[in-house]
Amino acid sequence: MCELYVKADPILYESRSRSLRICGVVTTLRLENQFWDILSEIAQADGMTTNQLVAKLYEEVMDYRGEVVNFASFLRVSCTRYLSRRSDQAPGLRVVTRNTR
């Protein structure tokens, strides 16, 4: 079982910062490449850019909760929830994230 995890391409868990505009303010988010890939997949499915998706998620969580203590962690959890939901909808589907770098 551990081979599945330890043989992951190191580029997937390398962190990358991305600057984007959220509510008119330019900010920088740092996430592992795997999470940026998943966010890109979600955005593409919704007809948005990754930056548009992240800004929309921020606005929606702020509307719903009133604050976000750790937005990067929120995005990671959102990605894992997306993968879990996708897995539930298609049992046996193997999650493969392509590396476009």
PDB file of N, CA and C in Angstrom:
ATOM      1  N   MET A   1       0.817  -1.197   0.000  1.00  0.00           N
ATOM      2  CA  MET A   1       0.000   0.000   0.000  1.00  0.00           C
ATOM      3  C   MET A   1       0.861   1.262   0.000  1.00  0.00           C
ATOM      4  N   CYS A   2       1.933   1.266   0.757  1.00  0.00           N
ATOM      5  CA  CYS A   2       2.751   2.475   0.853  1.00  0.00           C
ATOM      6  C   CYS A   2       3.390   2.863  -0.472  1.00  0.00           C
ATOM      7  N   GLU A   3       3.624   1.872  -1.355  1.00  0.00           N
ATOM      8  CA  GLU A   3       4.208   2.180  -2.657  1.00  0.00           C
ATOM      9  C   GLU A   3       3.383   3.202  -3.417  1.00  0.00           C
ATOM     10  N   LEU A   4       2.082   3.113  -3.285  1.00  0.00           N
ATOM     11  CA  LEU A   4       1.195   4.060  -3.945  1.00  0.00           C
ATOM     12  C   LEU A   4       1.564   5.494  -3.580  1.00  0.00           C
ATOM     13  N   TYR A   5       1.939   5.688  -2.335  1.00  0.00           N
ATOM     14  CA  TYR A   5       2.240   7.039  -1.846  1.00  0.00           C
ATOM     15  C   TYR A   5       3.703   7.420  -2.044  1.00  0.00           C
ATOM     16  N   VAL A   6       4.610   6.525  -1.717  1.00  0.00           N
ATOM     17  CA  VAL A   6       6.025   6.892  -1.764  1.00  0.00           C
ATOM     18  C   VAL A   6       6.567   7.007  -3.183  1.00  0.00           C
ATOM     19  N   LYS A   7       5.878   6.417  -4.139  1.00  0.00           N
ATOM     20  CA  LYS A   7       6.334   6.521  -5.527  1.00  0.00           C
ATOM     21  C   LYS A   7       5.728   7.715  -6.271  1.00  0.00           C
ATOM     22  N   ALA A   8       5.030   8.578  -5.531  1.00  0.00           N
ATOM     23  CA  ALA A   8       4.462   9.778  -6.158  1.00  0.00           C
ATOM     24  C   ALA A   8       5.581  10.652  -6.708  1.00  0.00           C
ATOM     25  N   ASP A   9       5.338  11.219  -7.860  1.00  0.00           N
ATOM     26  CA  ASP A   9       6.297  12.133  -8.469  1.00  0.00           C
ATOM     27  C   ASP A   9       6.492  13.333  -7.535  1.00  0.00           C
ATOM     28  N   PRO A  10       7.732  13.633  -7.143  1.00  0.00           N
ATOM     29  CA  PRO A  10       7.987  14.753  -6.226  1.00  0.00           C
ATOM     30  C   PRO A  10       7.427  16.094  -6.707  1.00  0.00           C
ATOM     31  N   ILE A  11       7.275  16.260  -8.012  1.00  0.00           N
ATOM     32  CA  ILE A  11       6.720  17.519  -8.523  1.00  0.00           C
ATOM     33  C   ILE A  11       5.302  17.728  -8.008  1.00  0.00           C
ATOM     34  N   LEU A  12       4.577  16.638  -7.714  1.00  0.00           N
ATOM     35  CA  LEU A  12       3.201  16.754  -7.247  1.00  0.00           C
ATOM     36  C   LEU A  12       3.107  17.367  -5.853  1.00  0.00           C
ATOM     37  N   TYR A  13       4.086  17.102  -4.997  1.00  0.00           N
ATOM     38  CA  TYR A  13       4.023  17.675  -3.655  1.00  0.00           C
ATOM     39  C   TYR A  13       4.935  18.878  -3.464  1.00  0.00           C
ATOM     40  N   GLU A  14       5.531  19.328  -4.548  1.00  0.00           N
ATOM     41  CA  GLU A  14       6.275  20.580  -4.517  1.00  0.00           C
ATOM     42  C   GLU A  14       5.273  21.732  -4.455  1.00  0.00           C
ATOM     43  N   SER A  15       5.564  22.724  -3.622  1.00  0.00           N
ATOM     44  CA  SER A  15       4.664  23.872  -3.486  1.00  0.00           C
ATOM     45  C   SER A  15       4.916  24.893  -4.572  1.00  0.00           C
ATOM     46  N   ARG A  16       3.838  25.570  -4.957  1.00  0.00           N
ATOM     47  CA  ARG A  16       3.935  26.645  -5.943  1.00  0.00           C
ATOM     48  C   ARG A  16       3.043  27.780  -5.490  1.00  0.00           C
ATOM     49  N   SER A  17       3.549  28.987  -5.586  1.00  0.00           N
ATOM     50  CA  SER A  17       2.769  30.180  -5.251  1.00  0.00           C
ATOM     51  C   SER A  17       2.132  30.718  -6.513  1.00  0.00           C
ATOM     52  N   ARG A  18       0.953  31.244  -6.345  1.00  0.00           N
ATOM     53  CA  ARG A  18       0.244  31.848  -7.456  1.00  0.00           C
ATOM     54  C   ARG A  18      -0.383  33.153  -6.968  1.00  0.00           C
ATOM     55  N   SER A  19      -0.176  34.221  -7.717  1.00  0.00           N
ATOM     56  CA  SER A  19      -0.800  35.504  -7.396  1.00  0.00           C
ATOM     57  C   SER A  19      -2.130  35.586  -8.114  1.00  0.00           C
ATOM     58  N   LEU A  20      -3.135  36.042  -7.391  1.00  0.00           N
ATOM     59  CA  LEU A  20      -4.445  36.221  -7.990  1.00  0.00           C
ATOM     60  C   LEU A  20      -5.201  37.327  -7.282  1.00  0.00           C
ATOM     61  N   ARG A  21      -6.261  37.767  -7.920  1.00  0.00           N
ATOM     62  CA  ARG A  21      -7.077  38.857  -7.385  1.00  0.00           C
ATOM     63  C   ARG A  21      -8.346  38.253  -6.788  1.00  0.00           C
ATOM     64  N   ILE A  22      -8.549  38.555  -5.503  1.00  0.00           N
ATOM     65  CA  ILE A  22      -9.748  38.110  -4.806  1.00  0.00           C
ATOM     66  C   ILE A  22     -10.421  39.343  -4.220  1.00  0.00           C
ATOM     67  N   CYS A  23     -11.649  39.568  -4.618  1.00  0.00           N
ATOM     68  CA  CYS A  23     -12.416  40.740  -4.160  1.00  0.00           C
ATOM     69  C   CYS A  23     -11.634  42.032  -4.396  1.00  0.00           C
ATOM     70  N   GLY A  24     -10.965  42.108  -5.539  1.00  0.00           N
ATOM     71  CA  GLY A  24     -10.243  43.315  -5.906  1.00  0.00           C
ATOM     72  C   GLY A  24      -8.873  43.467  -5.273  1.00  0.00           C
ATOM     73  N   VAL A  25      -8.457  42.510  -4.462  1.00  0.00           N
ATOM     74  CA  VAL A  25      -7.161  42.577  -3.782  1.00  0.00           C
ATOM     75  C   VAL A  25      -6.250  41.482  -4.340  1.00  0.00           C
ATOM     76  N   VAL A  26      -5.050  41.873  -4.728  1.00  0.00           N
ATOM     77  CA  VAL A  26      -4.091  40.888  -5.214  1.00  0.00           C
ATOM     78  C   VAL A  26      -3.476  40.190  -4.003  1.00  0.00           C
ATOM     79  N   THR A  27      -3.500  38.870  -4.048  1.00  0.00           N
ATOM     80  CA  THR A  27      -2.952  38.063  -2.960  1.00  0.00           C
ATOM     81  C   THR A  27      -2.182  36.897  -3.542  1.00  0.00           C
ATOM     82  N   THR A  28      -1.413  36.239  -2.724  1.00  0.00           N
ATOM     83  CA  THR A  28      -0.641  35.084  -3.152  1.00  0.00           C
ATOM     84  C   THR A  28      -1.064  33.868  -2.341  1.00  0.00           C
ATOM     85  N   LEU A  29      -1.293  32.775  -3.037  1.00  0.00           N
ATOM     86  CA  LEU A  29      -1.626  31.505  -2.397  1.00  0.00           C
ATOM     87  C   LEU A  29      -0.534  30.502  -2.712  1.00  0.00           C
ATOM     88  N   ARG A  30      -0.179  29.708  -1.721  1.00  0.00           N
ATOM     89  CA  ARG A  30       0.833  28.662  -1.909  1.00  0.00           C
ATOM     90  C   ARG A  30       0.182  27.309  -1.644  1.00  0.00           C
ATOM     91  N   LEU A  31       0.179  26.462  -2.677  1.00  0.00           N
ATOM     92  CA  LEU A  31      -0.366  25.115  -2.583  1.00  0.00           C
ATOM     93  C   LEU A  31       0.573  24.158  -3.298  1.00  0.00           C
ATOM     94  N   GLU A  32       0.455  22.891  -2.973  1.00  0.00           N
ATOM     95  CA  GLU A  32       1.204  21.875  -3.678  1.00  0.00           C
ATOM     96  C   GLU A  32       0.656  21.764  -5.107  1.00  0.00           C
ATOM     97  N   ASN A  33       1.535  21.390  -6.034  1.00  0.00           N
ATOM     98  CA  ASN A  33       1.146  21.303  -7.445  1.00  0.00           C
ATOM     99  C   ASN A  33      -0.060  20.401  -7.663  1.00  0.00           C
ATOM    100  N   GLN A  34      -0.149  19.304  -6.926  1.00  0.00           N
ATOM    101  CA  GLN A  34      -1.289  18.389  -7.080  1.00  0.00           C
ATOM    102  C   GLN A  34      -2.605  19.130  -6.834  1.00  0.00           C
ATOM    103  N   PHE A  35      -2.641  19.999  -5.825  1.00  0.00           N
ATOM    104  CA  PHE A  35      -3.872  20.732  -5.541  1.00  0.00           C
ATOM    105  C   PHE A  35      -4.169  21.768  -6.621  1.00  0.00           C
ATOM    106  N   TRP A  36      -3.134  22.419  -7.159  1.00  0.00           N
ATOM    107  CA  TRP A  36      -3.362  23.346  -8.269  1.00  0.00           C
ATOM    108  C   TRP A  36      -3.941  22.590  -9.465  1.00  0.00           C
ATOM    109  N   ASP A  37      -3.450  21.374  -9.709  1.00  0.00           N
ATOM    110  CA  ASP A  37      -3.959  20.559 -10.817  1.00  0.00           C
ATOM    111  C   ASP A  37      -5.437  20.217 -10.612  1.00  0.00           C
ATOM    112  N   ILE A  38      -5.786  19.841  -9.387  1.00  0.00           N
ATOM    113  CA  ILE A  38      -7.183  19.487  -9.096  1.00  0.00           C
ATOM    114  C   ILE A  38      -8.079  20.717  -9.230  1.00  0.00           C
ATOM    115  N   LEU A  39      -7.627  21.852  -8.711  1.00  0.00           N
ATOM    116  CA  LEU A  39      -8.415  23.086  -8.847  1.00  0.00           C
ATOM    117  C   LEU A  39      -8.603  23.443 -10.316  1.00  0.00           C
ATOM    118  N   SER A  40      -7.580  23.235 -11.115  1.00  0.00           N
ATOM    119  CA  SER A  40      -7.682  23.497 -12.552  1.00  0.00           C
ATOM    120  C   SER A  40      -8.724  22.584 -13.195  1.00  0.00           C
ATOM    121  N   GLU A  41      -8.747  21.323 -12.784  1.00  0.00           N
ATOM    122  CA  GLU A  41      -9.730  20.375 -13.298  1.00  0.00           C
ATOM    123  C   GLU A  41     -11.159  20.804 -12.928  1.00  0.00           C
ATOM    124  N   ILE A  42     -11.342  21.213 -11.683  1.00  0.00           N
ATOM    125  CA  ILE A  42     -12.663  21.681 -11.232  1.00  0.00           C
ATOM    126  C   ILE A  42     -13.077  22.913 -12.019  1.00  0.00           C
ATOM    127  N   ALA A  43     -12.150  23.852 -12.160  1.00  0.00           N
ATOM    128  CA  ALA A  43     -12.441  25.095 -12.881  1.00  0.00           C
ATOM    129  C   ALA A  43     -12.823  24.808 -14.326  1.00  0.00           C
ATOM    130  N   GLN A  44     -12.072  23.951 -14.967  1.00  0.00           N
ATOM    131  CA  GLN A  44     -12.350  23.617 -16.367  1.00  0.00           C
ATOM    132  C   GLN A  44     -13.744  22.999 -16.497  1.00  0.00           C
ATOM    133  N   ALA A  45     -14.098  22.119 -15.575  1.00  0.00           N
ATOM    134  CA  ALA A  45     -15.420  21.490 -15.613  1.00  0.00           C
ATOM    135  C   ALA A  45     -16.535  22.515 -15.436  1.00  0.00           C
ATOM    136  N   ASP A  46     -16.232  23.607 -14.736  1.00  0.00           N
ATOM    137  CA  ASP A  46     -17.219  24.662 -14.494  1.00  0.00           C
ATOM    138  C   ASP A  46     -17.098  25.826 -15.482  1.00  0.00           C
ATOM    139  N   GLY A  47     -16.228  25.674 -16.486  1.00  0.00           N
ATOM    140  CA  GLY A  47     -16.072  26.714 -17.503  1.00  0.00           C
ATOM    141  C   GLY A  47     -15.411  27.985 -16.989  1.00  0.00           C
ATOM    142  N   MET A  48     -14.479  27.830 -16.052  1.00  0.00           N
ATOM    143  CA  MET A  48     -13.774  28.979 -15.466  1.00  0.00           C
ATOM    144  C   MET A  48     -12.275  28.762 -15.531  1.00  0.00           C
ATOM    145  N   THR A  49     -11.553  29.831 -15.266  1.00  0.00           N
ATOM    146  CA  THR A  49     -10.117  29.696 -15.043  1.00  0.00           C
ATOM    147  C   THR A  49      -9.923  29.295 -13.580  1.00  0.00           C
ATOM    148  N   THR A  50      -8.736  28.821 -13.279  1.00  0.00           N
ATOM    149  CA  THR A  50      -8.440  28.451 -11.889  1.00  0.00           C
ATOM    150  C   THR A  50      -8.562  29.671 -10.977  1.00  0.00           C
ATOM    151  N   ASN A  51      -8.052  30.803 -11.428  1.00  0.00           N
ATOM    152  CA  ASN A  51      -8.138  32.020 -10.612  1.00  0.00           C
ATOM    153  C   ASN A  51      -9.593  32.427 -10.367  1.00  0.00           C
ATOM    154  N   GLN A  52     -10.433  32.313 -11.392  1.00  0.00           N
ATOM    155  CA  GLN A  52     -11.850  32.637 -11.217  1.00  0.00           C
ATOM    156  C   GLN A  52     -12.504  31.703 -10.205  1.00  0.00           C
ATOM    157  N   LEU A  53     -12.172  30.414 -10.289  1.00  0.00           N
ATOM    158  CA  LEU A  53     -12.730  29.437  -9.347  1.00  0.00           C
ATOM    159  C   LEU A  53     -12.306  29.754  -7.916  1.00  0.00           C
ATOM    160  N   VAL A  54     -11.035  30.017  -7.719  1.00  0.00           N
ATOM    161  CA  VAL A  54     -10.535  30.309  -6.372  1.00  0.00           C
ATOM    162  C   VAL A  54     -11.209  31.554  -5.814  1.00  0.00           C
ATOM    163  N   ALA A  55     -11.346  32.590  -6.629  1.00  0.00           N
ATOM    164  CA  ALA A  55     -12.018  33.818  -6.178  1.00  0.00           C
ATOM    165  C   ALA A  55     -13.478  33.539  -5.829  1.00  0.00           C
ATOM    166  N   LYS A  56     -14.139  32.731  -6.650  1.00  0.00           N
ATOM    167  CA  LYS A  56     -15.543  32.394  -6.386  1.00  0.00           C
ATOM    168  C   LYS A  56     -15.678  31.591  -5.094  1.00  0.00           C
ATOM    169  N   LEU A  57     -14.796  30.625  -4.886  1.00  0.00           N
ATOM    170  CA  LEU A  57     -14.835  29.849  -3.650  1.00  0.00           C
ATOM    171  C   LEU A  57     -14.630  30.748  -2.435  1.00  0.00           C
ATOM    172  N   TYR A  58     -13.700  31.688  -2.550  1.00  0.00           N
ATOM    173  CA  TYR A  58     -13.457  32.615  -1.441  1.00  0.00           C
ATOM    174  C   TYR A  58     -14.714  33.430  -1.137  1.00  0.00           C
ATOM    175  N   GLU A  59     -15.308  33.997  -2.172  1.00  0.00           N
ATOM    176  CA  GLU A  59     -16.517  34.800  -1.979  1.00  0.00           C
ATOM    177  C   GLU A  59     -17.643  33.974  -1.360  1.00  0.00           C
ATOM    178  N   GLU A  60     -17.806  32.743  -1.837  1.00  0.00           N
ATOM    179  CA  GLU A  60     -18.892  31.907  -1.322  1.00  0.00           C
ATOM    180  C   GLU A  60     -18.662  31.468   0.118  1.00  0.00           C
ATOM    181  N   VAL A  61     -17.435  31.111   0.467  1.00  0.00           N
ATOM    182  CA  VAL A  61     -17.180  30.708   1.852  1.00  0.00           C
ATOM    183  C   VAL A  61     -17.305  31.911   2.786  1.00  0.00           C
ATOM    184  N   MET A  62     -16.923  33.085   2.310  1.00  0.00           N
ATOM    185  CA  MET A  62     -17.091  34.297   3.127  1.00  0.00           C
ATOM    186  C   MET A  62     -18.570  34.601   3.334  1.00  0.00           C
ATOM    187  N   ASP A  63     -19.369  34.464   2.281  1.00  0.00           N
ATOM    188  CA  ASP A  63     -20.814  34.684   2.410  1.00  0.00           C
ATOM    189  C   ASP A  63     -21.437  33.686   3.381  1.00  0.00           C
ATOM    190  N   TYR A  64     -20.964  32.444   3.338  1.00  0.00           N
ATOM    191  CA  TYR A  64     -21.551  31.378   4.146  1.00  0.00           C
ATOM    192  C   TYR A  64     -21.047  31.395   5.596  1.00  0.00           C
ATOM    193  N   ARG A  65     -19.742  31.599   5.785  1.00  0.00           N
ATOM    194  CA  ARG A  65     -19.131  31.521   7.118  1.00  0.00           C
ATOM    195  C   ARG A  65     -18.795  32.879   7.736  1.00  0.00           C
ATOM    196  N   GLY A  66     -18.567  33.878   6.887  1.00  0.00           N
ATOM    197  CA  GLY A  66     -18.204  35.201   7.404  1.00  0.00           C
ATOM    198  C   GLY A  66     -16.715  35.390   7.616  1.00  0.00           C
ATOM    199  N   GLU A  67     -15.949  34.301   7.580  1.00  0.00           N
ATOM    200  CA  GLU A  67     -14.495  34.376   7.715  1.00  0.00           C
ATOM    201  C   GLU A  67     -13.878  33.081   7.179  1.00  0.00           C
ATOM    202  N   VAL A  68     -12.603  33.174   6.866  1.00  0.00           N
ATOM    203  CA  VAL A  68     -11.847  31.996   6.467  1.00  0.00           C
ATOM    204  C   VAL A  68     -10.524  32.080   7.220  1.00  0.00           C
ATOM    205  N   VAL A  69     -10.352  31.187   8.187  1.00  0.00           N
ATOM    206  CA  VAL A  69      -9.152  31.223   9.019  1.00  0.00           C
ATOM    207  C   VAL A  69      -7.914  30.821   8.222  1.00  0.00           C
ATOM    208  N   ASN A  70      -8.021  29.776   7.411  1.00  0.00           N
ATOM    209  CA  ASN A  70      -6.889  29.310   6.617  1.00  0.00           C
ATOM    210  C   ASN A  70      -7.412  28.923   5.236  1.00  0.00           C
ATOM    211  N   PHE A  71      -7.378  29.867   4.297  1.00  0.00           N
ATOM    212  CA  PHE A  71      -7.963  29.656   2.991  1.00  0.00           C
ATOM    213  C   PHE A  71      -7.244  28.561   2.202  1.00  0.00           C
ATOM    214  N   ALA A  72      -5.921  28.469   2.330  1.00  0.00           N
ATOM    215  CA  ALA A  72      -5.191  27.416   1.618  1.00  0.00           C
ATOM    216  C   ALA A  72      -5.657  26.037   2.092  1.00  0.00           C
ATOM    217  N   SER A  73      -5.857  25.875   3.381  1.00  0.00           N
ATOM    218  CA  SER A  73      -6.367  24.594   3.896  1.00  0.00           C
ATOM    219  C   SER A  73      -7.787  24.338   3.405  1.00  0.00           C
ATOM    220  N   PHE A  74      -8.596  25.388   3.353  1.00  0.00           N
ATOM    221  CA  PHE A  74      -9.950  25.260   2.822  1.00  0.00           C
ATOM    222  C   PHE A  74      -9.907  24.730   1.383  1.00  0.00           C
ATOM    223  N   LEU A  75      -8.980  25.255   0.578  1.00  0.00           N
ATOM    224  CA  LEU A  75      -8.866  24.805  -0.810  1.00  0.00           C
ATOM    225  C   LEU A  75      -8.427  23.349  -0.889  1.00  0.00           C
ATOM    226  N   ARG A  76      -7.498  22.945  -0.026  1.00  0.00           N
ATOM    227  CA  ARG A  76      -7.065  21.546  -0.018  1.00  0.00           C
ATOM    228  C   ARG A  76      -8.229  20.621   0.333  1.00  0.00           C
ATOM    229  N   VAL A  77      -8.989  20.993   1.346  1.00  0.00           N
ATOM    230  CA  VAL A  77     -10.149  20.187   1.745  1.00  0.00           C
ATOM    231  C   VAL A  77     -11.184  20.173   0.621  1.00  0.00           C
ATOM    232  N   SER A  78     -11.380  21.296  -0.044  1.00  0.00           N
ATOM    233  CA  SER A  78     -12.311  21.346  -1.167  1.00  0.00           C
ATOM    234  C   SER A  78     -11.883  20.363  -2.258  1.00  0.00           C
ATOM    235  N   CYS A  79     -10.584  20.294  -2.523  1.00  0.00           N
ATOM    236  CA  CYS A  79     -10.069  19.355  -3.526  1.00  0.00           C
ATOM    237  C   CYS A  79     -10.328  17.912  -3.112  1.00  0.00           C
ATOM    238  N   THR A  80     -10.079  17.584  -1.849  1.00  0.00           N
ATOM    239  CA  THR A  80     -10.296  16.207  -1.416  1.00  0.00           C
ATOM    240  C   THR A  80     -11.781  15.865  -1.415  1.00  0.00           C
ATOM    241  N   ARG A  81     -12.629  16.832  -1.109  1.00  0.00           N
ATOM    242  CA  ARG A  81     -14.078  16.587  -1.172  1.00  0.00           C
ATOM    243  C   ARG A  81     -14.516  16.358  -2.616  1.00  0.00           C
ATOM    244  N   TYR A  82     -13.951  17.124  -3.539  1.00  0.00           N
ATOM    245  CA  TYR A  82     -14.248  16.949  -4.960  1.00  0.00           C
ATOM    246  C   TYR A  82     -13.849  15.539  -5.408  1.00  0.00           C
ATOM    247  N   LEU A  83     -12.642  15.108  -5.037  1.00  0.00           N
ATOM    248  CA  LEU A  83     -12.177  13.777  -5.428  1.00  0.00           C
ATOM    249  C   LEU A  83     -13.039  12.686  -4.806  1.00  0.00           C
ATOM    250  N   SER A  84     -13.433  12.874  -3.578  1.00  0.00           N
ATOM    251  CA  SER A  84     -14.285  11.894  -2.902  1.00  0.00           C
ATOM    252  C   SER A  84     -15.645  11.803  -3.583  1.00  0.00           C
ATOM    253  N   ARG A  85     -16.202  12.948  -3.913  1.00  0.00           N
ATOM    254  CA  ARG A  85     -17.503  12.983  -4.595  1.00  0.00           C
ATOM    255  C   ARG A  85     -17.401  12.337  -5.968  1.00  0.00           C
ATOM    256  N   ARG A  86     -16.342  12.647  -6.686  1.00  0.00           N
ATOM    257  CA  ARG A  86     -16.133  12.073  -8.016  1.00  0.00           C
ATOM    258  C   ARG A  86     -15.959  10.568  -7.912  1.00  0.00           C
ATOM    259  N   SER A  87     -15.250  10.129  -6.901  1.00  0.00           N
ATOM    260  CA  SER A  87     -15.038   8.699  -6.696  1.00  0.00           C
ATOM    261  C   SER A  87     -16.354   7.994  -6.362  1.00  0.00           C
ATOM    262  N   ASP A  88     -17.193   8.638  -5.564  1.00  0.00           N
ATOM    263  CA  ASP A  88     -18.498   8.068  -5.211  1.00  0.00           C
ATOM    264  C   ASP A  88     -19.396   7.934  -6.438  1.00  0.00           C
ATOM    265  N   GLN A  89     -19.272   8.857  -7.380  1.00  0.00           N
ATOM    266  CA  GLN A  89     -20.112   8.852  -8.568  1.00  0.00           C
ATOM    267  C   GLN A  89     -19.656   7.824  -9.593  1.00  0.00           C
ATOM    268  N   ALA A  90     -18.388   7.446  -9.537  1.00  0.00           N
ATOM    269  CA  ALA A  90     -17.854   6.490 -10.513  1.00  0.00           C
ATOM    270  C   ALA A  90     -16.965   5.478  -9.796  1.00  0.00           C
ATOM    271  N   PRO A  91     -17.561   4.524  -9.109  1.00  0.00           N
ATOM    272  CA  PRO A  91     -16.762   3.530  -8.392  1.00  0.00           C
ATOM    273  C   PRO A  91     -15.763   2.853  -9.327  1.00  0.00           C
ATOM    274  N   GLY A  92     -14.582   2.649  -8.804  1.00  0.00           N
ATOM    275  CA  GLY A  92     -13.540   2.005  -9.597  1.00  0.00           C
ATOM    276  C   GLY A  92     -12.736   2.970 -10.441  1.00  0.00           C
ATOM    277  N   LEU A  93     -13.149   4.221 -10.506  1.00  0.00           N
ATOM    278  CA  LEU A  93     -12.414   5.219 -11.277  1.00  0.00           C
ATOM    279  C   LEU A  93     -11.112   5.534 -10.556  1.00  0.00           C
ATOM    280  N   ARG A  94     -10.009   5.427 -11.252  1.00  0.00           N
ATOM    281  CA  ARG A  94      -8.719   5.728 -10.666  1.00  0.00           C
ATOM    282  C   ARG A  94      -8.387   7.187 -10.923  1.00  0.00           C
ATOM    283  N   VAL A  95      -8.069   7.921  -9.878  1.00  0.00           N
ATOM    284  CA  VAL A  95      -7.759   9.340 -10.001  1.00  0.00           C
ATOM    285  C   VAL A  95      -6.334   9.495 -10.510  1.00  0.00           C
ATOM    286  N   VAL A  96      -6.186  10.154 -11.640  1.00  0.00           N
ATOM    287  CA  VAL A  96      -4.878  10.436 -12.209  1.00  0.00           C
ATOM    288  C   VAL A  96      -4.867  11.906 -12.570  1.00  0.00           C
ATOM    289  N   THR A  97      -3.915  12.639 -12.016  1.00  0.00           N
ATOM    290  CA  THR A  97      -3.784  14.042 -12.337  1.00  0.00           C
ATOM    291  C   THR A  97      -2.608  14.200 -13.276  1.00  0.00           C
ATOM    292  N   ARG A  98      -2.840  14.837 -14.381  1.00  0.00           N
ATOM    293  CA  ARG A  98      -1.761  14.979 -15.356  1.00  0.00           C
ATOM    294  C   ARG A  98      -0.834  16.095 -14.936  1.00  0.00           C
ATOM    295  N   ASN A  99       0.389  15.944 -15.282  1.00  0.00           N
ATOM    296  CA  ASN A  99       1.414  16.925 -14.956  1.00  0.00           C
ATOM    297  C   ASN A  99       1.699  17.728 -16.217  1.00  0.00           C
ATOM    298  N   THR A 100       1.312  18.999 -16.223  1.00  0.00           N
ATOM    299  CA  THR A 100       1.451  19.816 -17.432  1.00  0.00           C
ATOM    300  C   THR A 100       2.621  20.778 -17.339  1.00  0.00           C
ATOM    301  N   ARG A 101       3.467  20.602 -16.340  1.00  0.00           N
ATOM    302  CA  ARG A 101       4.608  21.501 -16.204  1.00  0.00           C
ATOM    303  C   ARG A 101       5.774  20.973 -16.973  1.00  0.00           C
TER     304      ARG A 101
END
